[in-house]
Amino acid sequence: GVDVNMTLNSEGLVSSMSIYFRYLHQEGRNNDIYKHNYTLSYNSEKQLTKVEGDLYIENYDKNNNLEYAKVNESMMLTWENGNLVKVDRIYTEVEKVGDPDGGRSWTATLEYDNTPNACKQYTKGLSKIRFFWGEYGIEQLFMLGLFGIGPAKLPTSISTVDAKHSTSYQYTYTLNNNGTVATEKSS
């Protein structure tokens, strides 16, 4: 199961968060444990600009040998003209037993056309950038506004690049009469 604890700032935005996740293996292995602690920062426009955190992972290989890692994470979000245009994430292993990889980094870039984001909401595509905790189902909280306001326009493209992979998704939208997103499709 997942336990999430959040602290809100005076604006009602998440300023810190801790996540405890236990993964239950079905094949007789010991359970994996993930502990995250995050601090979040926002600009004067209530847009998320920085996430810093630490992560402790305790997992077991198929022979029940313990592997663990202590990791520092940092993510910087760049906004231009009210739109999120770039996300840089750095993931650095501080200590590891098992298969060390030293750390990773990736960059997400976003492109827009002129379609306004009427409520400045985070869309499904934006919430899947994996602001560290996407695998825990936290992305829906972005869509509720707990992590600040989204971009002024709706993104048409989100691309991510790291040392081993690159992905790119194109987005199209159908809007309601009030300008909010009715449907979102990715390809």
N, C-alpha and C. Protein backbone atom coordinates (compact mmCIF):
# COMPACT_ATOMS: atom_id res chain seq x y z
N GLY A 1 0.81 -1.18 0.00
CA GLY A 1 0.00 0.00 0.00
C GLY A 1 0.86 1.25 0.00
N VAL A 2 0.21 2.37 -0.18
CA VAL A 2 0.87 3.67 -0.24
C VAL A 2 0.32 4.57 0.85
N ASP A 3 1.22 5.21 1.60
CA ASP A 3 0.84 6.24 2.57
C ASP A 3 1.45 7.55 2.10
N VAL A 4 0.63 8.60 2.01
CA VAL A 4 1.09 9.91 1.58
C VAL A 4 0.70 10.93 2.64
N ASN A 5 1.66 11.73 3.08
CA ASN A 5 1.41 12.82 4.01
C ASN A 5 1.87 14.11 3.35
N MET A 6 1.00 15.14 3.38
CA MET A 6 1.32 16.41 2.75
C MET A 6 1.13 17.56 3.72
N THR A 7 1.95 18.59 3.55
CA THR A 7 1.79 19.84 4.25
C THR A 7 1.48 20.90 3.21
N LEU A 8 0.48 21.73 3.47
CA LEU A 8 0.09 22.79 2.54
C LEU A 8 0.62 24.12 3.02
N ASN A 9 0.97 25.00 2.07
CA ASN A 9 1.39 26.35 2.43
C ASN A 9 0.17 27.25 2.59
N SER A 10 0.37 28.53 2.84
CA SER A 10 -0.74 29.45 3.08
C SER A 10 -1.62 29.65 1.84
N GLU A 11 -1.13 29.29 0.66
CA GLU A 11 -1.90 29.38 -0.58
C GLU A 11 -2.69 28.10 -0.86
N GLY A 12 -2.54 27.08 -0.01
CA GLY A 12 -3.22 25.81 -0.21
C GLY A 12 -2.51 24.87 -1.15
N LEU A 13 -1.22 25.13 -1.41
CA LEU A 13 -0.42 24.30 -2.30
C LEU A 13 0.49 23.39 -1.48
N VAL A 14 0.81 22.23 -2.00
CA VAL A 14 1.67 21.29 -1.29
C VAL A 14 3.07 21.88 -1.18
N SER A 15 3.56 22.02 0.06
CA SER A 15 4.91 22.54 0.28
C SER A 15 5.89 21.44 0.66
N SER A 16 5.39 20.36 1.22
CA SER A 16 6.23 19.19 1.51
C SER A 16 5.35 17.95 1.47
N MET A 17 6.02 16.84 1.19
CA MET A 17 5.27 15.61 1.06
C MET A 17 6.19 14.43 1.38
N SER A 18 5.63 13.44 2.07
CA SER A 18 6.35 12.19 2.29
C SER A 18 5.48 11.06 1.76
N ILE A 19 6.14 10.08 1.16
CA ILE A 19 5.44 8.94 0.58
C ILE A 19 6.13 7.68 1.09
N TYR A 20 5.34 6.75 1.55
CA TYR A 20 5.83 5.45 1.96
C TYR A 20 5.08 4.42 1.12
N PHE A 21 5.83 3.59 0.42
CA PHE A 21 5.22 2.61 -0.48
C PHE A 21 5.84 1.25 -0.22
N ARG A 22 5.00 0.25 -0.08
CA ARG A 22 5.48 -1.12 0.09
C ARG A 22 4.95 -1.94 -1.07
N TYR A 23 5.88 -2.55 -1.82
CA TYR A 23 5.51 -3.40 -2.94
C TYR A 23 5.53 -4.85 -2.48
N LEU A 24 4.40 -5.51 -2.61
CA LEU A 24 4.28 -6.89 -2.16
C LEU A 24 4.54 -7.85 -3.32
N HIS A 25 5.58 -8.64 -3.21
CA HIS A 25 5.90 -9.63 -4.24
C HIS A 25 5.02 -10.85 -4.07
N GLN A 26 4.62 -11.44 -5.16
CA GLN A 26 3.77 -12.62 -5.13
C GLN A 26 4.55 -13.93 -5.09
N GLU A 27 5.79 -13.89 -5.53
CA GLU A 27 6.54 -15.14 -5.69
C GLU A 27 7.42 -15.50 -4.49
N GLY A 28 7.07 -15.05 -3.30
CA GLY A 28 7.79 -15.44 -2.10
C GLY A 28 8.99 -14.58 -1.74
N ARG A 29 9.25 -13.55 -2.51
CA ARG A 29 10.35 -12.63 -2.19
C ARG A 29 9.92 -11.69 -1.07
N ASN A 30 10.91 -11.10 -0.43
CA ASN A 30 10.61 -10.07 0.58
C ASN A 30 9.99 -8.85 -0.09
N ASN A 31 9.32 -8.03 0.68
CA ASN A 31 8.67 -6.84 0.16
C ASN A 31 9.68 -5.73 -0.10
N ASP A 32 9.44 -4.94 -1.15
CA ASP A 32 10.25 -3.76 -1.43
C ASP A 32 9.65 -2.57 -0.70
N ILE A 33 10.51 -1.66 -0.24
CA ILE A 33 10.05 -0.47 0.49
C ILE A 33 10.66 0.76 -0.17
N TYR A 34 9.82 1.77 -0.36
CA TYR A 34 10.25 3.05 -0.93
C TYR A 34 9.80 4.16 0.01
N LYS A 35 10.73 5.02 0.42
CA LYS A 35 10.41 6.16 1.29
C LYS A 35 10.90 7.43 0.61
N HIS A 36 10.00 8.35 0.35
CA HIS A 36 10.32 9.63 -0.30
C HIS A 36 10.01 10.78 0.65
N ASN A 37 10.82 11.82 0.59
CA ASN A 37 10.54 13.09 1.28
C ASN A 37 10.84 14.21 0.29
N TYR A 38 9.87 15.09 0.08
CA TYR A 38 10.00 16.16 -0.91
C TYR A 38 9.70 17.52 -0.32
N THR A 39 10.38 18.54 -0.85
CA THR A 39 10.09 19.94 -0.58
C THR A 39 9.80 20.59 -1.92
N LEU A 40 8.71 21.35 -2.00
CA LEU A 40 8.27 21.95 -3.25
C LEU A 40 8.29 23.46 -3.15
N SER A 41 8.67 24.13 -4.24
CA SER A 41 8.71 25.60 -4.30
C SER A 41 7.90 26.09 -5.48
N TYR A 42 7.35 27.30 -5.34
CA TYR A 42 6.49 27.90 -6.35
C TYR A 42 6.93 29.34 -6.60
N ASN A 43 6.61 29.86 -7.79
CA ASN A 43 6.87 31.27 -8.07
C ASN A 43 5.66 32.11 -7.64
N SER A 44 5.72 33.41 -7.86
CA SER A 44 4.64 34.30 -7.44
C SER A 44 3.35 34.07 -8.21
N GLU A 45 3.44 33.37 -9.34
CA GLU A 45 2.25 33.04 -10.14
C GLU A 45 1.61 31.73 -9.69
N LYS A 46 2.14 31.14 -8.61
CA LYS A 46 1.67 29.86 -8.07
C LYS A 46 1.94 28.69 -9.01
N GLN A 47 3.06 28.78 -9.74
CA GLN A 47 3.50 27.70 -10.61
C GLN A 47 4.64 26.95 -9.93
N LEU A 48 4.58 25.63 -9.98
CA LEU A 48 5.62 24.79 -9.39
C LEU A 48 6.93 25.04 -10.12
N THR A 49 8.00 25.36 -9.37
CA THR A 49 9.29 25.68 -9.98
C THR A 49 10.41 24.73 -9.56
N LYS A 50 10.26 24.09 -8.41
CA LYS A 50 11.36 23.27 -7.92
C LYS A 50 10.83 22.18 -7.01
N VAL A 51 11.39 20.99 -7.16
CA VAL A 51 11.10 19.86 -6.27
C VAL A 51 12.44 19.28 -5.87
N GLU A 52 12.67 19.19 -4.57
CA GLU A 52 13.89 18.57 -4.06
C GLU A 52 13.49 17.46 -3.10
N GLY A 53 14.23 16.38 -3.14
CA GLY A 53 13.86 15.29 -2.27
C GLY A 53 14.95 14.28 -2.05
N ASP A 54 14.64 13.38 -1.14
CA ASP A 54 15.51 12.25 -0.91
C ASP A 54 14.64 11.00 -0.94
N LEU A 55 15.25 9.92 -1.30
CA LEU A 55 14.54 8.68 -1.49
C LEU A 55 15.38 7.55 -0.91
N TYR A 56 14.72 6.67 -0.19
CA TYR A 56 15.38 5.45 0.30
C TYR A 56 14.62 4.28 -0.31
N ILE A 57 15.35 3.40 -0.98
CA ILE A 57 14.75 2.23 -1.61
C ILE A 57 15.40 0.99 -1.02
N GLU A 58 14.56 0.07 -0.59
CA GLU A 58 15.04 -1.21 -0.07
C GLU A 58 14.31 -2.29 -0.88
N ASN A 59 15.05 -3.00 -1.72
CA ASN A 59 14.39 -4.06 -2.48
C ASN A 59 15.24 -5.31 -2.49
N TYR A 60 14.64 -6.36 -2.96
CA TYR A 60 15.27 -7.68 -2.94
C TYR A 60 15.27 -8.26 -4.35
N ASP A 61 16.39 -8.87 -4.72
CA ASP A 61 16.44 -9.52 -6.03
C ASP A 61 15.70 -10.86 -5.96
N LYS A 62 15.70 -11.60 -7.05
CA LYS A 62 14.94 -12.85 -7.08
C LYS A 62 15.47 -13.90 -6.12
N ASN A 63 16.70 -13.74 -5.60
CA ASN A 63 17.27 -14.65 -4.61
C ASN A 63 17.15 -14.11 -3.19
N ASN A 64 16.33 -13.07 -3.00
CA ASN A 64 16.11 -12.42 -1.72
C ASN A 64 17.36 -11.76 -1.15
N ASN A 65 18.29 -11.36 -2.01
CA ASN A 65 19.44 -10.58 -1.58
C ASN A 65 19.03 -9.11 -1.49
N LEU A 66 19.34 -8.48 -0.37
CA LEU A 66 18.96 -7.09 -0.15
C LEU A 66 19.77 -6.16 -1.04
N GLU A 67 19.08 -5.26 -1.71
CA GLU A 67 19.69 -4.15 -2.42
C GLU A 67 19.03 -2.90 -1.87
N TYR A 68 19.80 -1.85 -1.67
CA TYR A 68 19.17 -0.62 -1.23
C TYR A 68 19.92 0.56 -1.83
N ALA A 69 19.24 1.67 -1.85
CA ALA A 69 19.87 2.89 -2.36
C ALA A 69 19.33 4.08 -1.59
N LYS A 70 20.20 5.04 -1.38
CA LYS A 70 19.81 6.35 -0.88
C LYS A 70 20.05 7.31 -2.03
N VAL A 71 19.06 8.07 -2.38
CA VAL A 71 19.09 8.89 -3.59
C VAL A 71 18.68 10.32 -3.27
N ASN A 72 19.37 11.27 -3.87
CA ASN A 72 18.93 12.67 -3.85
C ASN A 72 18.31 12.97 -5.21
N GLU A 73 17.19 13.68 -5.19
CA GLU A 73 16.50 14.04 -6.42
C GLU A 73 16.31 15.55 -6.46
N SER A 74 16.40 16.11 -7.64
CA SER A 74 16.17 17.54 -7.82
C SER A 74 15.50 17.74 -9.17
N MET A 75 14.51 18.58 -9.19
CA MET A 75 13.82 18.88 -10.44
C MET A 75 13.56 20.37 -10.53
N MET A 76 13.95 20.95 -11.65
CA MET A 76 13.72 22.37 -11.91
C MET A 76 12.74 22.50 -13.06
N LEU A 77 11.73 23.34 -12.89
CA LEU A 77 10.72 23.58 -13.91
C LEU A 77 10.90 24.99 -14.44
N THR A 78 10.96 25.14 -15.76
CA THR A 78 11.16 26.44 -16.41
C THR A 78 9.85 26.88 -17.06
N TRP A 79 9.42 28.10 -16.71
CA TRP A 79 8.18 28.67 -17.23
C TRP A 79 8.51 29.89 -18.08
N GLU A 80 7.84 30.02 -19.23
CA GLU A 80 7.97 31.21 -20.09
C GLU A 80 6.58 31.63 -20.55
N ASN A 81 6.26 32.89 -20.37
CA ASN A 81 4.96 33.45 -20.79
C ASN A 81 3.79 32.62 -20.26
N GLY A 82 3.92 32.14 -19.03
CA GLY A 82 2.85 31.38 -18.40
C GLY A 82 2.80 29.91 -18.78
N ASN A 83 3.76 29.44 -19.59
CA ASN A 83 3.77 28.04 -20.02
C ASN A 83 4.99 27.30 -19.51
N LEU A 84 4.78 26.07 -19.09
CA LEU A 84 5.87 25.20 -18.68
C LEU A 84 6.57 24.74 -19.95
N VAL A 85 7.84 25.08 -20.11
CA VAL A 85 8.55 24.75 -21.35
C VAL A 85 9.64 23.69 -21.17
N LYS A 86 10.09 23.49 -19.91
CA LYS A 86 11.19 22.55 -19.71
C LYS A 86 11.17 22.05 -18.27
N VAL A 87 11.49 20.77 -18.12
CA VAL A 87 11.64 20.16 -16.80
C VAL A 87 12.96 19.40 -16.81
N ASP A 88 13.85 19.74 -15.88
CA ASP A 88 15.13 19.05 -15.74
C ASP A 88 15.12 18.28 -14.43
N ARG A 89 15.40 17.00 -14.52
CA ARG A 89 15.44 16.16 -13.32
C ARG A 89 16.81 15.55 -13.18
N ILE A 90 17.36 15.60 -11.97
CA ILE A 90 18.65 14.97 -11.65
C ILE A 90 18.41 14.01 -10.49
N TYR A 91 18.88 12.80 -10.66
CA TYR A 91 18.69 11.71 -9.71
C TYR A 91 20.08 11.18 -9.40
N THR A 92 20.57 11.37 -8.17
CA THR A 92 21.94 11.01 -7.82
C THR A 92 21.95 9.99 -6.69
N GLU A 93 22.61 8.88 -6.92
CA GLU A 93 22.75 7.88 -5.86
C GLU A 93 23.79 8.35 -4.87
N VAL A 94 23.42 8.41 -3.61
CA VAL A 94 24.32 8.80 -2.55
C VAL A 94 25.01 7.57 -1.99
N GLU A 95 24.27 6.50 -1.88
CA GLU A 95 24.80 5.25 -1.35
C GLU A 95 23.99 4.12 -1.97
N LYS A 96 24.66 3.03 -2.35
CA LYS A 96 23.92 1.91 -2.95
C LYS A 96 24.62 0.60 -2.68
N VAL A 97 23.83 -0.43 -2.37
CA VAL A 97 24.28 -1.80 -2.30
C VAL A 97 23.50 -2.53 -3.37
N GLY A 98 24.18 -3.22 -4.25
CA GLY A 98 23.51 -3.90 -5.35
C GLY A 98 24.16 -3.47 -6.65
N ASP A 99 23.36 -3.06 -7.60
CA ASP A 99 23.82 -2.70 -8.94
C ASP A 99 23.85 -1.18 -9.08
N PRO A 100 24.95 -0.52 -8.72
CA PRO A 100 24.97 0.94 -8.77
C PRO A 100 24.98 1.47 -10.21
N ASP A 101 24.23 2.53 -10.44
CA ASP A 101 24.29 3.18 -11.75
C ASP A 101 24.73 4.63 -11.62
N GLY A 102 24.99 5.08 -10.39
CA GLY A 102 25.51 6.42 -10.17
C GLY A 102 24.48 7.51 -10.21
N GLY A 103 23.44 7.33 -10.97
CA GLY A 103 22.39 8.33 -11.06
C GLY A 103 21.96 8.52 -12.50
N ARG A 104 20.95 9.33 -12.67
CA ARG A 104 20.40 9.59 -13.99
C ARG A 104 19.88 11.01 -14.03
N SER A 105 19.71 11.48 -15.23
CA SER A 105 19.03 12.76 -15.39
C SER A 105 18.22 12.68 -16.67
N TRP A 106 17.19 13.47 -16.75
CA TRP A 106 16.41 13.57 -17.97
C TRP A 106 15.86 14.96 -18.11
N THR A 107 15.47 15.30 -19.33
CA THR A 107 14.88 16.60 -19.62
C THR A 107 13.60 16.38 -20.40
N ALA A 108 12.56 17.07 -20.00
CA ALA A 108 11.30 17.08 -20.74
C ALA A 108 11.14 18.47 -21.35
N THR A 109 10.77 18.52 -22.62
CA THR A 109 10.48 19.80 -23.27
C THR A 109 9.04 19.77 -23.76
N LEU A 110 8.39 20.92 -23.69
CA LEU A 110 6.99 21.03 -24.05
C LEU A 110 6.81 22.08 -25.13
N GLU A 111 5.89 21.83 -26.04
CA GLU A 111 5.57 22.78 -27.10
C GLU A 111 4.07 23.07 -27.07
N TYR A 112 3.71 24.24 -27.55
CA TYR A 112 2.32 24.70 -27.48
C TYR A 112 1.90 25.33 -28.80
N ASP A 113 0.58 25.32 -29.04
CA ASP A 113 0.05 26.16 -30.11
C ASP A 113 -0.69 27.30 -29.41
N ASN A 114 -1.72 27.82 -29.98
CA ASN A 114 -2.42 28.96 -29.37
C ASN A 114 -3.70 28.57 -28.65
N THR A 115 -3.90 27.30 -28.34
CA THR A 115 -5.11 26.88 -27.64
C THR A 115 -5.00 27.24 -26.17
N PRO A 116 -5.85 28.16 -25.69
CA PRO A 116 -5.75 28.55 -24.28
C PRO A 116 -6.17 27.43 -23.34
N ASN A 117 -5.57 27.40 -22.18
CA ASN A 117 -5.91 26.48 -21.10
C ASN A 117 -6.79 27.28 -20.15
N ALA A 118 -8.09 27.27 -20.39
CA ALA A 118 -9.04 28.17 -19.73
C ALA A 118 -8.90 28.21 -18.21
N CYS A 119 -8.74 27.07 -17.59
CA CYS A 119 -8.63 26.99 -16.12
C CYS A 119 -7.20 26.82 -15.65
N LYS A 120 -6.25 26.87 -16.58
CA LYS A 120 -4.83 26.65 -16.24
C LYS A 120 -4.67 25.35 -15.45
N GLN A 121 -5.35 24.32 -15.94
CA GLN A 121 -5.32 23.03 -15.29
C GLN A 121 -4.16 22.20 -15.83
N TYR A 122 -3.67 21.27 -15.00
CA TYR A 122 -2.73 20.27 -15.49
C TYR A 122 -3.55 19.24 -16.23
N THR A 123 -3.11 18.86 -17.41
CA THR A 123 -3.79 17.84 -18.20
C THR A 123 -3.20 16.48 -17.86
N LYS A 124 -3.80 15.41 -18.38
CA LYS A 124 -3.26 14.07 -18.14
C LYS A 124 -1.83 13.97 -18.65
N GLY A 125 -1.56 14.53 -19.82
CA GLY A 125 -0.22 14.48 -20.39
C GLY A 125 0.80 15.18 -19.50
N LEU A 126 0.44 16.36 -19.00
CA LEU A 126 1.34 17.08 -18.11
C LEU A 126 1.58 16.31 -16.82
N SER A 127 0.55 15.70 -16.30
CA SER A 127 0.70 14.99 -15.03
C SER A 127 1.54 13.74 -15.18
N LYS A 128 1.74 13.25 -16.41
CA LYS A 128 2.54 12.05 -16.63
C LYS A 128 4.01 12.35 -16.88
N ILE A 129 4.43 13.59 -16.74
CA ILE A 129 5.85 13.91 -16.85
C ILE A 129 6.62 13.20 -15.76
N ARG A 130 5.94 12.69 -14.80
CA ARG A 130 6.53 11.96 -13.67
C ARG A 130 7.34 12.89 -12.79
N PHE A 131 6.62 13.74 -12.15
CA PHE A 131 7.22 14.64 -11.18
C PHE A 131 7.61 13.82 -9.95
N PHE A 132 8.43 12.80 -10.17
CA PHE A 132 8.97 11.88 -9.18
C PHE A 132 8.00 10.81 -8.71
N TRP A 133 6.76 11.13 -8.53
CA TRP A 133 5.88 10.20 -7.84
C TRP A 133 4.77 9.66 -8.73
N GLY A 134 4.88 9.78 -10.01
CA GLY A 134 3.83 9.33 -10.93
C GLY A 134 3.44 7.88 -10.74
N GLU A 135 4.39 7.05 -10.33
CA GLU A 135 4.08 5.64 -10.18
C GLU A 135 3.20 5.35 -8.97
N TYR A 136 2.93 6.32 -8.15
CA TYR A 136 2.12 6.10 -6.95
C TYR A 136 0.70 6.63 -7.09
N GLY A 137 0.32 7.10 -8.25
CA GLY A 137 -1.04 7.60 -8.44
C GLY A 137 -1.24 9.02 -7.94
N ILE A 138 -0.15 9.74 -7.68
CA ILE A 138 -0.25 11.11 -7.18
C ILE A 138 -0.60 12.09 -8.30
N GLU A 139 -0.42 11.68 -9.57
CA GLU A 139 -0.61 12.62 -10.68
C GLU A 139 -2.00 13.24 -10.71
N GLN A 140 -3.01 12.55 -10.20
CA GLN A 140 -4.35 13.13 -10.18
C GLN A 140 -4.42 14.39 -9.32
N LEU A 141 -3.56 14.48 -8.31
CA LEU A 141 -3.56 15.65 -7.44
C LEU A 141 -3.08 16.90 -8.18
N PHE A 142 -2.27 16.72 -9.23
CA PHE A 142 -1.90 17.84 -10.07
C PHE A 142 -3.14 18.41 -10.73
N MET A 143 -4.00 17.52 -11.21
CA MET A 143 -5.20 17.95 -11.92
C MET A 143 -6.19 18.65 -10.99
N LEU A 144 -6.06 18.42 -9.69
CA LEU A 144 -6.92 19.10 -8.71
C LEU A 144 -6.35 20.45 -8.27
N GLY A 145 -5.12 20.77 -8.69
CA GLY A 145 -4.53 22.07 -8.37
C GLY A 145 -3.71 22.11 -7.10
N LEU A 146 -3.46 20.98 -6.47
CA LEU A 146 -2.69 20.97 -5.23
C LEU A 146 -1.21 21.28 -5.45
N PHE A 147 -0.74 21.22 -6.71
CA PHE A 147 0.65 21.51 -7.02
C PHE A 147 0.76 22.77 -7.88
N GLY A 148 -0.15 23.71 -7.66
CA GLY A 148 -0.11 24.98 -8.37
C GLY A 148 -0.90 24.96 -9.66
N ILE A 149 -0.81 26.08 -10.37
CA ILE A 149 -1.57 26.20 -11.61
C ILE A 149 -0.75 25.67 -12.78
N GLY A 150 -1.46 25.21 -13.78
CA GLY A 150 -0.83 24.68 -14.98
C GLY A 150 -0.54 25.79 -15.97
N PRO A 151 -0.12 25.42 -17.17
CA PRO A 151 0.26 26.41 -18.18
C PRO A 151 -0.93 27.18 -18.75
N ALA A 152 -0.62 28.33 -19.33
CA ALA A 152 -1.64 29.20 -19.91
C ALA A 152 -2.25 28.61 -21.18
N LYS A 153 -1.49 27.76 -21.86
CA LYS A 153 -1.98 27.12 -23.09
C LYS A 153 -1.89 25.61 -22.92
N LEU A 154 -2.60 24.88 -23.78
CA LEU A 154 -2.57 23.42 -23.72
C LEU A 154 -1.39 22.90 -24.54
N PRO A 155 -0.57 22.02 -23.96
CA PRO A 155 0.59 21.51 -24.69
C PRO A 155 0.19 20.64 -25.88
N THR A 156 0.91 20.77 -26.97
CA THR A 156 0.67 19.94 -28.15
C THR A 156 1.71 18.84 -28.26
N SER A 157 2.84 18.99 -27.57
CA SER A 157 3.91 18.00 -27.64
C SER A 157 4.68 18.00 -26.33
N ILE A 158 4.98 16.79 -25.84
CA ILE A 158 5.84 16.62 -24.67
C ILE A 158 6.87 15.56 -25.03
N SER A 159 8.15 15.93 -24.96
CA SER A 159 9.24 15.02 -25.30
C SER A 159 10.17 14.89 -24.10
N THR A 160 10.64 13.67 -23.84
CA THR A 160 11.61 13.45 -22.77
C THR A 160 12.84 12.76 -23.35
N VAL A 161 13.99 13.12 -22.81
CA VAL A 161 15.27 12.56 -23.25
C VAL A 161 16.12 12.26 -22.03
N ASP A 162 16.68 11.05 -21.98
CA ASP A 162 17.69 10.74 -20.99
C ASP A 162 18.85 10.05 -21.70
N ALA A 163 19.78 9.50 -20.97
CA ALA A 163 20.97 8.90 -21.58
C ALA A 163 20.66 7.68 -22.44
N LYS A 164 19.54 7.01 -22.16
CA LYS A 164 19.23 5.76 -22.87
C LYS A 164 17.99 5.82 -23.76
N HIS A 165 17.07 6.73 -23.49
CA HIS A 165 15.79 6.73 -24.18
C HIS A 165 15.35 8.13 -24.56
N SER A 166 14.47 8.18 -25.54
CA SER A 166 13.76 9.42 -25.83
C SER A 166 12.34 9.05 -26.22
N THR A 167 11.40 9.85 -25.77
CA THR A 167 10.00 9.64 -26.11
C THR A 167 9.39 10.97 -26.49
N SER A 168 8.36 10.90 -27.31
CA SER A 168 7.65 12.11 -27.70
C SER A 168 6.18 11.77 -27.89
N TYR A 169 5.32 12.59 -27.32
CA TYR A 169 3.88 12.41 -27.45
C TYR A 169 3.27 13.69 -28.00
N GLN A 170 2.33 13.51 -28.91
CA GLN A 170 1.57 14.62 -29.46
C GLN A 170 0.19 14.60 -28.82
N TYR A 171 -0.36 15.77 -28.54
CA TYR A 171 -1.64 15.85 -27.85
C TYR A 171 -2.64 16.68 -28.64
N THR A 172 -3.88 16.20 -28.65
CA THR A 172 -5.00 16.96 -29.21
C THR A 172 -6.12 16.97 -28.17
N TYR A 173 -6.97 17.98 -28.26
CA TYR A 173 -8.00 18.19 -27.24
C TYR A 173 -9.34 18.51 -27.89
N THR A 174 -10.39 18.13 -27.18
CA THR A 174 -11.73 18.61 -27.46
C THR A 174 -12.11 19.44 -26.24
N LEU A 175 -12.64 20.62 -26.47
CA LEU A 175 -12.95 21.51 -25.35
C LEU A 175 -14.46 21.60 -25.10
N ASN A 176 -14.82 21.82 -23.86
CA ASN A 176 -16.21 22.12 -23.49
C ASN A 176 -16.51 23.56 -23.88
N ASN A 177 -17.79 23.94 -23.81
CA ASN A 177 -18.18 25.32 -24.15
C ASN A 177 -17.48 26.37 -23.30
N ASN A 178 -17.14 26.02 -22.05
CA ASN A 178 -16.48 26.98 -21.16
C ASN A 178 -14.95 26.98 -21.33
N GLY A 179 -14.43 26.20 -22.30
CA GLY A 179 -13.01 26.18 -22.58
C GLY A 179 -12.22 25.15 -21.81
N THR A 180 -12.84 24.41 -20.91
CA THR A 180 -12.14 23.36 -20.18
C THR A 180 -11.96 22.14 -21.07
N VAL A 181 -11.03 21.29 -20.71
CA VAL A 181 -10.75 20.09 -21.51
C VAL A 181 -11.84 19.05 -21.33
N ALA A 182 -12.47 18.65 -22.45
CA ALA A 182 -13.47 17.57 -22.42
C ALA A 182 -12.77 16.24 -22.66
N THR A 183 -11.93 16.17 -23.70
CA THR A 183 -11.17 14.96 -23.98
C THR A 183 -9.75 15.34 -24.37
N GLU A 184 -8.85 14.43 -24.11
CA GLU A 184 -7.43 14.61 -24.43
C GLU A 184 -6.94 13.30 -25.07
N LYS A 185 -6.31 13.40 -26.22
CA LYS A 185 -5.78 12.22 -26.89
C LYS A 185 -4.30 12.40 -27.13
N SER A 186 -3.57 11.30 -26.95
CA SER A 186 -2.12 11.34 -27.19
C SER A 186 -1.77 10.31 -28.26
N SER A 187 -0.71 10.62 -28.99
CA SER A 187 -0.22 9.69 -30.01
C SER A 187 1.29 9.73 -30.04
